[in-house]
């Protein structure tokens, strides 16, 4: 039973919340303990609230999941966890998220001349997380029925993670990193939908209600477009004056090679191997992707912090 509860809150999916930590890393604020502390608190709070959303999603999708070849093994769909127990766990995860946010300090950790000085407040981070929570409850209950709208909401959720991390740590975000985050997660979302389309073409049944509004031609073009624009945004980020000034280096553009490698590898997993159904699993299982991400992070850290 305990393992079923753990499966329901999906702790492996907490990896997605690493976007909350991106501002403190990219902003060169890793040496500031208050900024790192605030980022970690926001990360934990986002993880708990995301688990609450997963519980809600499995509750309302239980009947549909029972007809799915893979999702039928989810705790609520399989009967390992009752809907009442899932509701209790959903509420508990939300309460834990709010309690975690109480650990955010009210101390001003941004300079008085910073653009964030007038809006910095733990309550701003709370507001972003609450908005994320309500948006995703709406997504689970309604918005995910609509093709294209569904993936845009997912991508916007990652932007909210980024904004929460930036406000928590007191790091001013570059417009390019915001755009890049949105486009990268849009790319990953379309790649995930491609897996659904492939399954639909093989079995004749749509894994999701909106899968019938996608096909391989459209998905492949969407993946190509979003991957291309993501790469352009990343290059613009690495050469933008405010970023190079903050990093005290004009060599950030050299890390572009790792981003290109990562995008190409993920397209290969999606188009050649048909293994893009779960981005988190792809990252946890694919050694090539792990090596690219590690080398990219190491190169970026060496340029910024040494």
C-alpha atoms as a PDB file:
ATOM      1  CA  UNK A   1       0.000   0.000   0.000  1.00  0.00           C
ATOM      2  CA  UNK A   2       2.817   2.389   0.861  1.00  0.00           C
ATOM      3  CA  UNK A   3       4.401   1.868  -2.567  1.00  0.00           C
ATOM      4  CA  UNK A   4       1.046   2.632  -4.201  1.00  0.00           C
ATOM      5  CA  UNK A   5       0.874   5.964  -2.372  1.00  0.00           C
ATOM      6  CA  UNK A   6       4.397   6.791  -3.495  1.00  0.00           C
ATOM      7  CA  UNK A   7       3.521   5.839  -7.048  1.00  0.00           C
ATOM      8  CA  UNK A   8       0.481   8.116  -6.886  1.00  0.00           C
ATOM      9  CA  UNK A   9       2.478  11.231  -5.956  1.00  0.00           C
ATOM     10  CA  UNK A  10       5.098  10.381  -8.643  1.00  0.00           C
ATOM     11  CA  UNK A  11       8.315  11.580  -6.971  1.00  0.00           C
ATOM     12  CA  UNK A  12      10.288  10.770 -10.136  1.00  0.00           C
ATOM     13  CA  UNK A  13       8.363  13.575 -11.845  1.00  0.00           C
ATOM     14  CA  UNK A  14       9.808  16.059  -9.346  1.00  0.00           C
ATOM     15  CA  UNK A  15      12.779  16.173 -11.698  1.00  0.00           C
ATOM     16  CA  UNK A  16      10.683  18.578 -13.795  1.00  0.00           C
ATOM     17  CA  UNK A  17      10.853  21.108 -10.972  1.00  0.00           C
ATOM     18  CA  UNK A  18      14.567  21.570 -11.538  1.00  0.00           C
ATOM     19  CA  UNK A  19      13.397  24.546 -13.619  1.00  0.00           C
ATOM     20  CA  UNK A  20      12.780  26.295 -10.279  1.00  0.00           C
ATOM     21  CA  UNK A  21      16.522  26.056  -9.621  1.00  0.00           C
ATOM     22  CA  UNK A  22      17.590  27.345 -13.024  1.00  0.00           C
ATOM     23  CA  UNK A  23      17.533  31.091 -12.156  1.00  0.00           C
ATOM     24  CA  UNK A  24      19.880  30.738  -9.191  1.00  0.00           C
ATOM     25  CA  UNK A  25      22.267  28.647 -11.340  1.00  0.00           C
ATOM     26  CA  UNK A  26      22.121  30.670 -14.544  1.00  0.00           C
ATOM     27  CA  UNK A  27      22.064  33.946 -12.620  1.00  0.00           C
ATOM     28  CA  UNK A  28      25.403  33.212 -10.989  1.00  0.00           C
ATOM     29  CA  UNK A  29      23.832  33.287  -7.513  1.00  0.00           C
ATOM     30  CA  UNK A  30      25.004  29.862  -6.342  1.00  0.00           C
ATOM     31  CA  UNK A  31      27.425  31.566  -3.958  1.00  0.00           C
ATOM     32  CA  UNK A  32      24.564  33.343  -2.179  1.00  0.00           C
ATOM     33  CA  UNK A  33      23.267  31.036   0.554  1.00  0.00           C
ATOM     34  CA  UNK A  34      19.969  32.967   1.054  1.00  0.00           C
ATOM     35  CA  UNK A  35      19.246  32.703  -2.685  1.00  0.00           C
ATOM     36  CA  UNK A  36      20.069  28.988  -2.792  1.00  0.00           C
ATOM     37  CA  UNK A  37      17.969  28.354   0.329  1.00  0.00           C
ATOM     38  CA  UNK A  38      14.958  30.207  -1.103  1.00  0.00           C
ATOM     39  CA  UNK A  39      15.279  28.323  -4.399  1.00  0.00           C
ATOM     40  CA  UNK A  40      15.330  24.960  -2.622  1.00  0.00           C
ATOM     41  CA  UNK A  41      12.256  25.885  -0.582  1.00  0.00           C
ATOM     42  CA  UNK A  42      10.424  26.871  -3.776  1.00  0.00           C
ATOM     43  CA  UNK A  43      11.558  23.615  -5.410  1.00  0.00           C
ATOM     44  CA  UNK A  44      10.149  21.487  -2.579  1.00  0.00           C
ATOM     45  CA  UNK A  45       6.902  23.490  -2.496  1.00  0.00           C
ATOM     46  CA  UNK A  46       6.463  23.060  -6.255  1.00  0.00           C
ATOM     47  CA  UNK A  47       7.144  19.324  -5.943  1.00  0.00           C
ATOM     48  CA  UNK A  48       4.431  18.867  -3.317  1.00  0.00           C
ATOM     49  CA  UNK A  49       1.861  20.907  -5.239  1.00  0.00           C
ATOM     50  CA  UNK A  50       2.679  18.997  -8.443  1.00  0.00           C
ATOM     51  CA  UNK A  51       2.045  15.732  -6.571  1.00  0.00           C
ATOM     52  CA  UNK A  52      -1.328  17.094  -5.498  1.00  0.00           C
ATOM     53  CA  UNK A  53      -2.139  17.727  -9.171  1.00  0.00           C
ATOM     54  CA  UNK A  54      -1.075  14.169 -10.086  1.00  0.00           C
ATOM     55  CA  UNK A  55      -3.482  12.813  -7.458  1.00  0.00           C
ATOM     56  CA  UNK A  56      -6.321  14.905  -8.871  1.00  0.00           C
ATOM     57  CA  UNK A  57      -5.509  13.822 -12.399  1.00  0.00           C
ATOM     58  CA  UNK A  58      -5.558  10.133 -11.498  1.00  0.00           C
ATOM     59  CA  UNK A  59      -8.840  10.536  -9.630  1.00  0.00           C
ATOM     60  CA  UNK A  60     -10.770  12.062 -12.521  1.00  0.00           C
ATOM     61  CA  UNK A  61      -9.062   9.881 -15.158  1.00  0.00           C
ATOM     62  CA  UNK A  62      -9.512   6.578 -13.319  1.00  0.00           C
ATOM     63  CA  UNK A  63     -12.145   5.177 -15.690  1.00  0.00           C
ATOM     64  CA  UNK A  64     -10.251   6.147 -18.848  1.00  0.00           C
ATOM     65  CA  UNK A  65      -6.952   4.881 -17.393  1.00  0.00           C
ATOM     66  CA  UNK A  66      -8.453   1.423 -16.851  1.00  0.00           C
ATOM     67  CA  UNK A  67      -8.802   1.098 -20.640  1.00  0.00           C
ATOM     68  CA  UNK A  68      -5.203   2.207 -21.301  1.00  0.00           C
ATOM     69  CA  UNK A  69      -2.535  -0.527 -21.723  1.00  0.00           C
ATOM     70  CA  UNK A  70      -0.027   1.320 -19.511  1.00  0.00           C
ATOM     71  CA  UNK A  71      -2.042   3.732 -17.358  1.00  0.00           C
ATOM     72  CA  UNK A  72      -4.265   0.896 -16.151  1.00  0.00           C
ATOM     73  CA  UNK A  73      -1.495   0.111 -13.642  1.00  0.00           C
ATOM     74  CA  UNK A  74      -1.795   3.509 -11.938  1.00  0.00           C
ATOM     75  CA  UNK A  75      -2.828   3.182  -8.253  1.00  0.00           C
ATOM     76  CA  UNK A  76      -6.352   4.591  -8.536  1.00  0.00           C
ATOM     77  CA  UNK A  77      -7.141   2.912 -11.871  1.00  0.00           C
ATOM     78  CA  UNK A  78      -5.890  -0.457 -10.616  1.00  0.00           C
ATOM     79  CA  UNK A  79      -7.749  -0.164  -7.310  1.00  0.00           C
ATOM     80  CA  UNK A  80      -4.580  -0.193  -5.192  1.00  0.00           C
ATOM     81  CA  UNK A  81      -5.638   3.211  -3.827  1.00  0.00           C
ATOM     82  CA  UNK A  82      -9.289   4.211  -3.442  1.00  0.00           C
ATOM     83  CA  UNK A  83     -10.568   7.553  -4.694  1.00  0.00           C
ATOM     84  CA  UNK A  84     -11.207   8.658  -1.116  1.00  0.00           C
ATOM     85  CA  UNK A  85      -7.619   7.867  -0.137  1.00  0.00           C
ATOM     86  CA  UNK A  86      -6.375   9.679  -3.233  1.00  0.00           C
ATOM     87  CA  UNK A  87      -8.388  12.787  -2.290  1.00  0.00           C
ATOM     88  CA  UNK A  88      -6.880  12.738   1.210  1.00  0.00           C
ATOM     89  CA  UNK A  89      -3.383  12.432  -0.257  1.00  0.00           C
ATOM     90  CA  UNK A  90      -4.122  15.233  -2.731  1.00  0.00           C
ATOM     91  CA  UNK A  91      -5.124  17.584   0.102  1.00  0.00           C
ATOM     92  CA  UNK A  92      -2.129  16.520   2.189  1.00  0.00           C
ATOM     93  CA  UNK A  93       0.313  17.301  -0.628  1.00  0.00           C
ATOM     94  CA  UNK A  94      -1.241  20.750  -1.096  1.00  0.00           C
ATOM     95  CA  UNK A  95      -1.056  21.500   2.629  1.00  0.00           C
ATOM     96  CA  UNK A  96       2.593  20.388   2.722  1.00  0.00           C
ATOM     97  CA  UNK A  97       3.335  22.724  -0.170  1.00  0.00           C
ATOM     98  CA  UNK A  98       1.797  25.698   1.628  1.00  0.00           C
ATOM     99  CA  UNK A  99       3.585  24.820   4.875  1.00  0.00           C
ATOM    100  CA  UNK A 100       6.879  24.567   2.999  1.00  0.00           C
ATOM    101  CA  UNK A 101       6.388  28.075   1.629  1.00  0.00           C
ATOM    102  CA  UNK A 102       6.211  29.339   5.210  1.00  0.00           C
ATOM    103  CA  UNK A 103       9.956  28.639   5.329  1.00  0.00           C
ATOM    104  CA  UNK A 104      10.626  31.411   2.815  1.00  0.00           C
ATOM    105  CA  UNK A 105      12.400  34.291   4.478  1.00  0.00           C
ATOM    106  CA  UNK A 106      10.972  37.795   4.398  1.00  0.00           C
ATOM    107  CA  UNK A 107      14.523  39.179   4.299  1.00  0.00           C
ATOM    108  CA  UNK A 108      15.196  41.310   1.248  1.00  0.00           C
ATOM    109  CA  UNK A 109      17.807  39.366  -0.742  1.00  0.00           C
ATOM    110  CA  UNK A 110      17.868  41.655  -3.784  1.00  0.00           C
ATOM    111  CA  UNK A 111      19.676  45.011  -4.099  1.00  0.00           C
ATOM    112  CA  UNK A 112      17.568  48.146  -3.701  1.00  0.00           C
ATOM    113  CA  UNK A 113      18.336  49.151  -7.297  1.00  0.00           C
ATOM    114  CA  UNK A 114      17.205  45.777  -8.694  1.00  0.00           C
ATOM    115  CA  UNK A 115      14.016  45.629 -10.808  1.00  0.00           C
ATOM    116  CA  UNK A 116      12.801  42.998  -8.335  1.00  0.00           C
ATOM    117  CA  UNK A 117      13.225  45.182  -5.256  1.00  0.00           C
ATOM    118  CA  UNK A 118       9.675  46.567  -5.463  1.00  0.00           C
ATOM    119  CA  UNK A 119       7.945  43.205  -6.002  1.00  0.00           C
ATOM    120  CA  UNK A 120      10.140  40.795  -4.052  1.00  0.00           C
ATOM    121  CA  UNK A 121       8.066  39.029  -1.438  1.00  0.00           C
ATOM    122  CA  UNK A 122       7.475  35.433  -0.381  1.00  0.00           C
ATOM    123  CA  UNK A 123       3.796  36.098  -1.079  1.00  0.00           C
ATOM    124  CA  UNK A 124       4.631  36.620  -4.755  1.00  0.00           C
ATOM    125  CA  UNK A 125       6.067  33.108  -4.896  1.00  0.00           C
ATOM    126  CA  UNK A 126       2.982  31.776  -3.091  1.00  0.00           C
ATOM    127  CA  UNK A 127       0.782  33.506  -5.659  1.00  0.00           C
ATOM    128  CA  UNK A 128       2.644  31.938  -8.578  1.00  0.00           C
ATOM    129  CA  UNK A 129       2.394  28.444  -7.083  1.00  0.00           C
ATOM    130  CA  UNK A 130      -1.322  28.880  -6.344  1.00  0.00           C
ATOM    131  CA  UNK A 131      -1.897  30.076  -9.912  1.00  0.00           C
ATOM    132  CA  UNK A 132       0.043  27.053 -11.207  1.00  0.00           C
ATOM    133  CA  UNK A 133      -2.094  24.770  -9.028  1.00  0.00           C
ATOM    134  CA  UNK A 134      -5.416  26.194 -10.193  1.00  0.00           C
ATOM    135  CA  UNK A 135      -4.298  26.255 -13.836  1.00  0.00           C
ATOM    136  CA  UNK A 136      -3.305  22.598 -13.706  1.00  0.00           C
ATOM    137  CA  UNK A 137      -6.499  21.545 -11.963  1.00  0.00           C
ATOM    138  CA  UNK A 138      -8.288  23.232 -14.856  1.00  0.00           C
ATOM    139  CA  UNK A 139      -5.983  21.444 -17.282  1.00  0.00           C
ATOM    140  CA  UNK A 140      -6.764  18.034 -15.773  1.00  0.00           C
ATOM    141  CA  UNK A 141     -10.499  18.662 -15.687  1.00  0.00           C
ATOM    142  CA  UNK A 142     -11.009  20.469 -18.975  1.00  0.00           C
ATOM    143  CA  UNK A 143      -8.164  22.080 -20.965  1.00  0.00           C
ATOM    144  CA  UNK A 144      -6.360  18.840 -21.825  1.00  0.00           C
ATOM    145  CA  UNK A 145      -9.274  17.892 -24.062  1.00  0.00           C
ATOM    146  CA  UNK A 146      -8.165  20.484 -26.612  1.00  0.00           C
ATOM    147  CA  UNK A 147      -5.245  19.834 -28.938  1.00  0.00           C
ATOM    148  CA  UNK A 148      -2.486  22.468 -29.010  1.00  0.00           C
ATOM    149  CA  UNK A 149      -4.051  24.247 -26.012  1.00  0.00           C
ATOM    150  CA  UNK A 150      -2.971  21.305 -23.850  1.00  0.00           C
ATOM    151  CA  UNK A 151       0.715  21.484 -24.737  1.00  0.00           C
ATOM    152  CA  UNK A 152       0.787  25.278 -24.432  1.00  0.00           C
ATOM    153  CA  UNK A 153      -0.566  25.069 -20.882  1.00  0.00           C
ATOM    154  CA  UNK A 154       2.040  22.441 -19.996  1.00  0.00           C
ATOM    155  CA  UNK A 155       4.819  24.664 -21.370  1.00  0.00           C
ATOM    156  CA  UNK A 156       3.460  27.699 -19.518  1.00  0.00           C
ATOM    157  CA  UNK A 157       3.583  25.660 -16.312  1.00  0.00           C
ATOM    158  CA  UNK A 158       7.353  25.401 -16.698  1.00  0.00           C
ATOM    159  CA  UNK A 159       7.595  29.143 -17.222  1.00  0.00           C
ATOM    160  CA  UNK A 160       5.777  29.560 -13.899  1.00  0.00           C
ATOM    161  CA  UNK A 161       8.383  27.294 -12.293  1.00  0.00           C
ATOM    162  CA  UNK A 162      11.102  29.525 -13.710  1.00  0.00           C
ATOM    163  CA  UNK A 163       9.395  32.712 -12.513  1.00  0.00           C
ATOM    164  CA  UNK A 164       8.928  31.284  -9.023  1.00  0.00           C
ATOM    165  CA  UNK A 165      12.596  30.353  -8.863  1.00  0.00           C
ATOM    166  CA  UNK A 166      13.650  33.796 -10.061  1.00  0.00           C
ATOM    167  CA  UNK A 167      11.477  35.650  -7.560  1.00  0.00           C
ATOM    168  CA  UNK A 168      12.425  33.347  -4.691  1.00  0.00           C
ATOM    169  CA  UNK A 169      16.156  33.754  -5.310  1.00  0.00           C
ATOM    170  CA  UNK A 170      16.026  37.424  -6.287  1.00  0.00           C
ATOM    171  CA  UNK A 171      17.454  36.787  -9.757  1.00  0.00           C
ATOM    172  CA  UNK A 172      16.252  38.946 -12.648  1.00  0.00           C
ATOM    173  CA  UNK A 173      15.377  36.669 -15.563  1.00  0.00           C
ATOM    174  CA  UNK A 174      16.499  37.362 -19.096  1.00  0.00           C
ATOM    175  CA  UNK A 175      13.634  37.450 -21.601  1.00  0.00           C
ATOM    176  CA  UNK A 176      15.561  34.905 -23.651  1.00  0.00           C
ATOM    177  CA  UNK A 177      15.653  32.283 -20.908  1.00  0.00           C
ATOM    178  CA  UNK A 178      11.894  32.704 -20.408  1.00  0.00           C
ATOM    179  CA  UNK A 179      11.260  32.191 -24.125  1.00  0.00           C
ATOM    180  CA  UNK A 180      13.719  29.319 -24.274  1.00  0.00           C
ATOM    181  CA  UNK A 181      12.036  27.564 -21.353  1.00  0.00           C
ATOM    182  CA  UNK A 182       8.615  27.893 -22.947  1.00  0.00           C
ATOM    183  CA  UNK A 183       9.815  26.651 -26.338  1.00  0.00           C
ATOM    184  CA  UNK A 184      11.912  23.787 -24.955  1.00  0.00           C
ATOM    185  CA  UNK A 185       9.040  22.398 -22.910  1.00  0.00           C
ATOM    186  CA  UNK A 186       6.682  22.933 -25.845  1.00  0.00           C
ATOM    187  CA  UNK A 187       9.100  20.839 -27.926  1.00  0.00           C
ATOM    188  CA  UNK A 188       9.125  18.088 -25.277  1.00  0.00           C
ATOM    189  CA  UNK A 189       5.322  18.179 -25.021  1.00  0.00           C
ATOM    190  CA  UNK A 190       4.863  17.767 -28.768  1.00  0.00           C
ATOM    191  CA  UNK A 191       7.363  14.890 -28.701  1.00  0.00           C
ATOM    192  CA  UNK A 192       5.300  13.251 -25.959  1.00  0.00           C
ATOM    193  CA  UNK A 193       2.132  13.676 -28.042  1.00  0.00           C
ATOM    194  CA  UNK A 194       3.936  11.981 -30.920  1.00  0.00           C
ATOM    195  CA  UNK A 195       4.191   8.839 -28.824  1.00  0.00           C
ATOM    196  CA  UNK A 196       0.401   8.937 -28.373  1.00  0.00           C
ATOM    197  CA  UNK A 197      -0.145   9.331 -32.126  1.00  0.00           C
ATOM    198  CA  UNK A 198       2.122   6.357 -32.874  1.00  0.00           C
ATOM    199  CA  UNK A 199       0.194   4.237 -30.354  1.00  0.00           C
ATOM    200  CA  UNK A 200      -3.116   5.367 -31.881  1.00  0.00           C
ATOM    201  CA  UNK A 201      -1.980   4.390 -35.384  1.00  0.00           C
ATOM    202  CA  UNK A 202      -0.907   0.950 -34.145  1.00  0.00           C
ATOM    203  CA  UNK A 203      -3.944   0.110 -32.028  1.00  0.00           C
ATOM    204  CA  UNK A 204      -6.657   2.213 -33.643  1.00  0.00           C
ATOM    205  CA  UNK A 205      -7.553   3.688 -30.243  1.00  0.00           C
ATOM    206  CA  UNK A 206      -6.713   7.220 -29.083  1.00  0.00           C
ATOM    207  CA  UNK A 207      -4.795   7.238 -25.751  1.00  0.00           C
ATOM    208  CA  UNK A 208      -6.107  10.753 -25.086  1.00  0.00           C
ATOM    209  CA  UNK A 209      -9.326  12.458 -26.068  1.00  0.00           C
ATOM    210  CA  UNK A 210      -7.477  15.045 -28.164  1.00  0.00           C
ATOM    211  CA  UNK A 211      -5.059  12.623 -29.880  1.00  0.00           C
ATOM    212  CA  UNK A 212      -7.382  12.413 -32.891  1.00  0.00           C
ATOM    213  CA  UNK A 213      -6.613  16.097 -33.553  1.00  0.00           C
ATOM    214  CA  UNK A 214      -2.928  15.268 -34.069  1.00  0.00           C
ATOM    215  CA  UNK A 215      -1.159  13.258 -36.748  1.00  0.00           C
ATOM    216  CA  UNK A 216       2.493  12.417 -37.449  1.00  0.00           C
ATOM    217  CA  UNK A 217       2.891  15.034 -40.175  1.00  0.00           C
ATOM    218  CA  UNK A 218       1.703  17.831 -37.912  1.00  0.00           C
ATOM    219  CA  UNK A 219       3.637  16.577 -34.866  1.00  0.00           C
ATOM    220  CA  UNK A 220       6.890  16.172 -36.819  1.00  0.00           C
ATOM    221  CA  UNK A 221       6.612  19.709 -38.179  1.00  0.00           C
ATOM    222  CA  UNK A 222       5.794  21.093 -34.724  1.00  0.00           C
ATOM    223  CA  UNK A 223       8.819  19.302 -33.228  1.00  0.00           C
ATOM    224  CA  UNK A 224      11.094  20.678 -35.950  1.00  0.00           C
ATOM    225  CA  UNK A 225       9.832  24.248 -35.546  1.00  0.00           C
ATOM    226  CA  UNK A 226      10.009  24.324 -31.744  1.00  0.00           C
ATOM    227  CA  UNK A 227      13.460  22.681 -31.643  1.00  0.00           C
ATOM    228  CA  UNK A 228      14.818  25.190 -34.166  1.00  0.00           C
ATOM    229  CA  UNK A 229      13.441  28.261 -32.391  1.00  0.00           C
ATOM    230  CA  UNK A 230      14.583  26.898 -29.020  1.00  0.00           C
ATOM    231  CA  UNK A 231      18.141  26.701 -30.318  1.00  0.00           C
ATOM    232  CA  UNK A 232      17.948  30.265 -31.666  1.00  0.00           C
ATOM    233  CA  UNK A 233      16.635  31.539 -28.309  1.00  0.00           C
ATOM    234  CA  UNK A 234      19.447  29.771 -26.487  1.00  0.00           C
ATOM    235  CA  UNK A 235      22.054  31.366 -28.729  1.00  0.00           C
ATOM    236  CA  UNK A 236      20.463  34.781 -28.200  1.00  0.00           C
ATOM    237  CA  UNK A 237      20.511  34.140 -24.455  1.00  0.00           C
ATOM    238  CA  UNK A 238      24.223  33.304 -24.416  1.00  0.00           C
ATOM    239  CA  UNK A 239      25.204  36.420 -26.378  1.00  0.00           C
ATOM    240  CA  UNK A 240      22.785  38.928 -24.824  1.00  0.00           C
ATOM    241  CA  UNK A 241      24.635  41.834 -23.131  1.00  0.00           C
ATOM    242  CA  UNK A 242      22.952  41.490 -19.719  1.00  0.00           C
ATOM    243  CA  UNK A 243      23.789  37.777 -19.515  1.00  0.00           C
ATOM    244  CA  UNK A 244      27.423  38.105 -20.609  1.00  0.00           C
ATOM    245  CA  UNK A 245      27.847  41.021 -18.197  1.00  0.00           C
ATOM    246  CA  UNK A 246      26.428  39.005 -15.304  1.00  0.00           C
ATOM    247  CA  UNK A 247      28.577  35.984 -16.188  1.00  0.00           C
ATOM    248  CA  UNK A 248      31.634  38.211 -16.804  1.00  0.00           C
ATOM    249  CA  UNK A 249      32.353  36.147 -19.885  1.00  0.00           C
ATOM    250  CA  UNK A 250      31.526  36.187 -23.579  1.00  0.00           C
ATOM    251  CA  UNK A 251      32.167  32.463 -23.974  1.00  0.00           C
ATOM    252  CA  UNK A 252      28.728  31.177 -22.979  1.00  0.00           C
ATOM    253  CA  UNK A 253      27.888  30.649 -26.652  1.00  0.00           C
ATOM    254  CA  UNK A 254      30.320  27.700 -26.638  1.00  0.00           C
ATOM    255  CA  UNK A 255      27.788  25.673 -24.635  1.00  0.00           C
ATOM    256  CA  UNK A 256      25.418  25.759 -27.624  1.00  0.00           C
ATOM    257  CA  UNK A 257      26.985  22.568 -28.960  1.00  0.00           C
ATOM    258  CA  UNK A 258      25.595  20.597 -25.996  1.00  0.00           C
ATOM    259  CA  UNK A 259      22.113  22.053 -26.456  1.00  0.00           C
ATOM    260  CA  UNK A 260      22.174  21.079 -30.143  1.00  0.00           C
ATOM    261  CA  UNK A 261      23.358  17.578 -29.246  1.00  0.00           C
ATOM    262  CA  UNK A 262      20.588  17.213 -26.678  1.00  0.00           C
ATOM    263  CA  UNK A 263      17.871  18.365 -29.074  1.00  0.00           C
ATOM    264  CA  UNK A 264      19.126  16.062 -31.839  1.00  0.00           C
ATOM    265  CA  UNK A 265      19.290  13.104 -29.476  1.00  0.00           C
ATOM    266  CA  UNK A 266      15.751  13.681 -28.244  1.00  0.00           C
ATOM    267  CA  UNK A 267      14.460  13.972 -31.806  1.00  0.00           C
ATOM    268  CA  UNK A 268      16.207  10.675 -32.530  1.00  0.00           C
ATOM    269  CA  UNK A 269      14.514   9.044 -29.530  1.00  0.00           C
ATOM    270  CA  UNK A 270      11.176  10.418 -30.689  1.00  0.00           C
ATOM    271  CA  UNK A 271      11.272   9.865 -34.452  1.00  0.00           C
ATOM    272  CA  UNK A 272      13.586   6.856 -34.815  1.00  0.00           C
ATOM    273  CA  UNK A 273      13.038   4.922 -31.588  1.00  0.00           C
ATOM    274  CA  UNK A 274       9.494   6.092 -30.713  1.00  0.00           C
ATOM    275  CA  UNK A 275      10.582   6.522 -27.074  1.00  0.00           C
ATOM    276  CA  UNK A 276       9.474  10.078 -26.300  1.00  0.00           C
ATOM    277  CA  UNK A 277       6.373   9.208 -24.282  1.00  0.00           C
ATOM    278  CA  UNK A 278       7.861  10.385 -20.991  1.00  0.00           C
ATOM    279  CA  UNK A 279      10.650  13.029 -20.996  1.00  0.00           C
ATOM    280  CA  UNK A 280      11.537  12.252 -17.376  1.00  0.00           C
ATOM    281  CA  UNK A 281      12.027   8.545 -18.080  1.00  0.00           C
ATOM    282  CA  UNK A 282      14.008   9.379 -21.212  1.00  0.00           C
ATOM    283  CA  UNK A 283      16.427  11.495 -19.181  1.00  0.00           C
ATOM    284  CA  UNK A 284      16.695   8.938 -16.372  1.00  0.00           C
ATOM    285  CA  UNK A 285      17.353   6.029 -18.740  1.00  0.00           C
ATOM    286  CA  UNK A 286      19.276   7.428 -21.706  1.00  0.00           C
ATOM    287  CA  UNK A 287      23.019   7.627 -21.018  1.00  0.00           C
ATOM    288  CA  UNK A 288      23.624   9.840 -24.032  1.00  0.00           C
ATOM    289  CA  UNK A 289      21.186  12.466 -22.784  1.00  0.00           C
ATOM    290  CA  UNK A 290      22.581  12.244 -19.261  1.00  0.00           C
ATOM    291  CA  UNK A 291      26.124  12.789 -20.540  1.00  0.00           C
ATOM    292  CA  UNK A 292      25.078  15.771 -22.657  1.00  0.00           C
ATOM    293  CA  UNK A 293      23.175  17.437 -19.800  1.00  0.00           C
ATOM    294  CA  UNK A 294      26.063  16.824 -17.376  1.00  0.00           C
ATOM    295  CA  UNK A 295      28.666  18.224 -19.787  1.00  0.00           C
ATOM    296  CA  UNK A 296      26.470  21.217 -20.575  1.00  0.00           C
ATOM    297  CA  UNK A 297      25.932  22.018 -16.889  1.00  0.00           C
ATOM    298  CA  UNK A 298      29.634  21.529 -16.134  1.00  0.00           C
ATOM    299  CA  UNK A 299      30.701  23.785 -19.012  1.00  0.00           C
ATOM    300  CA  UNK A 300      28.232  26.467 -17.968  1.00  0.00           C
ATOM    301  CA  UNK A 301      29.346  26.280 -14.331  1.00  0.00           C
ATOM    302  CA  UNK A 302      33.032  26.543 -15.259  1.00  0.00           C
ATOM    303  CA  UNK A 303      32.386  29.630 -17.382  1.00  0.00           C
ATOM    304  CA  UNK A 304      30.202  31.378 -14.782  1.00  0.00           C
ATOM    305  CA  UNK A 305      31.837  30.457 -11.480  1.00  0.00           C
ATOM    306  CA  UNK A 306      35.548  30.096 -12.323  1.00  0.00           C
END
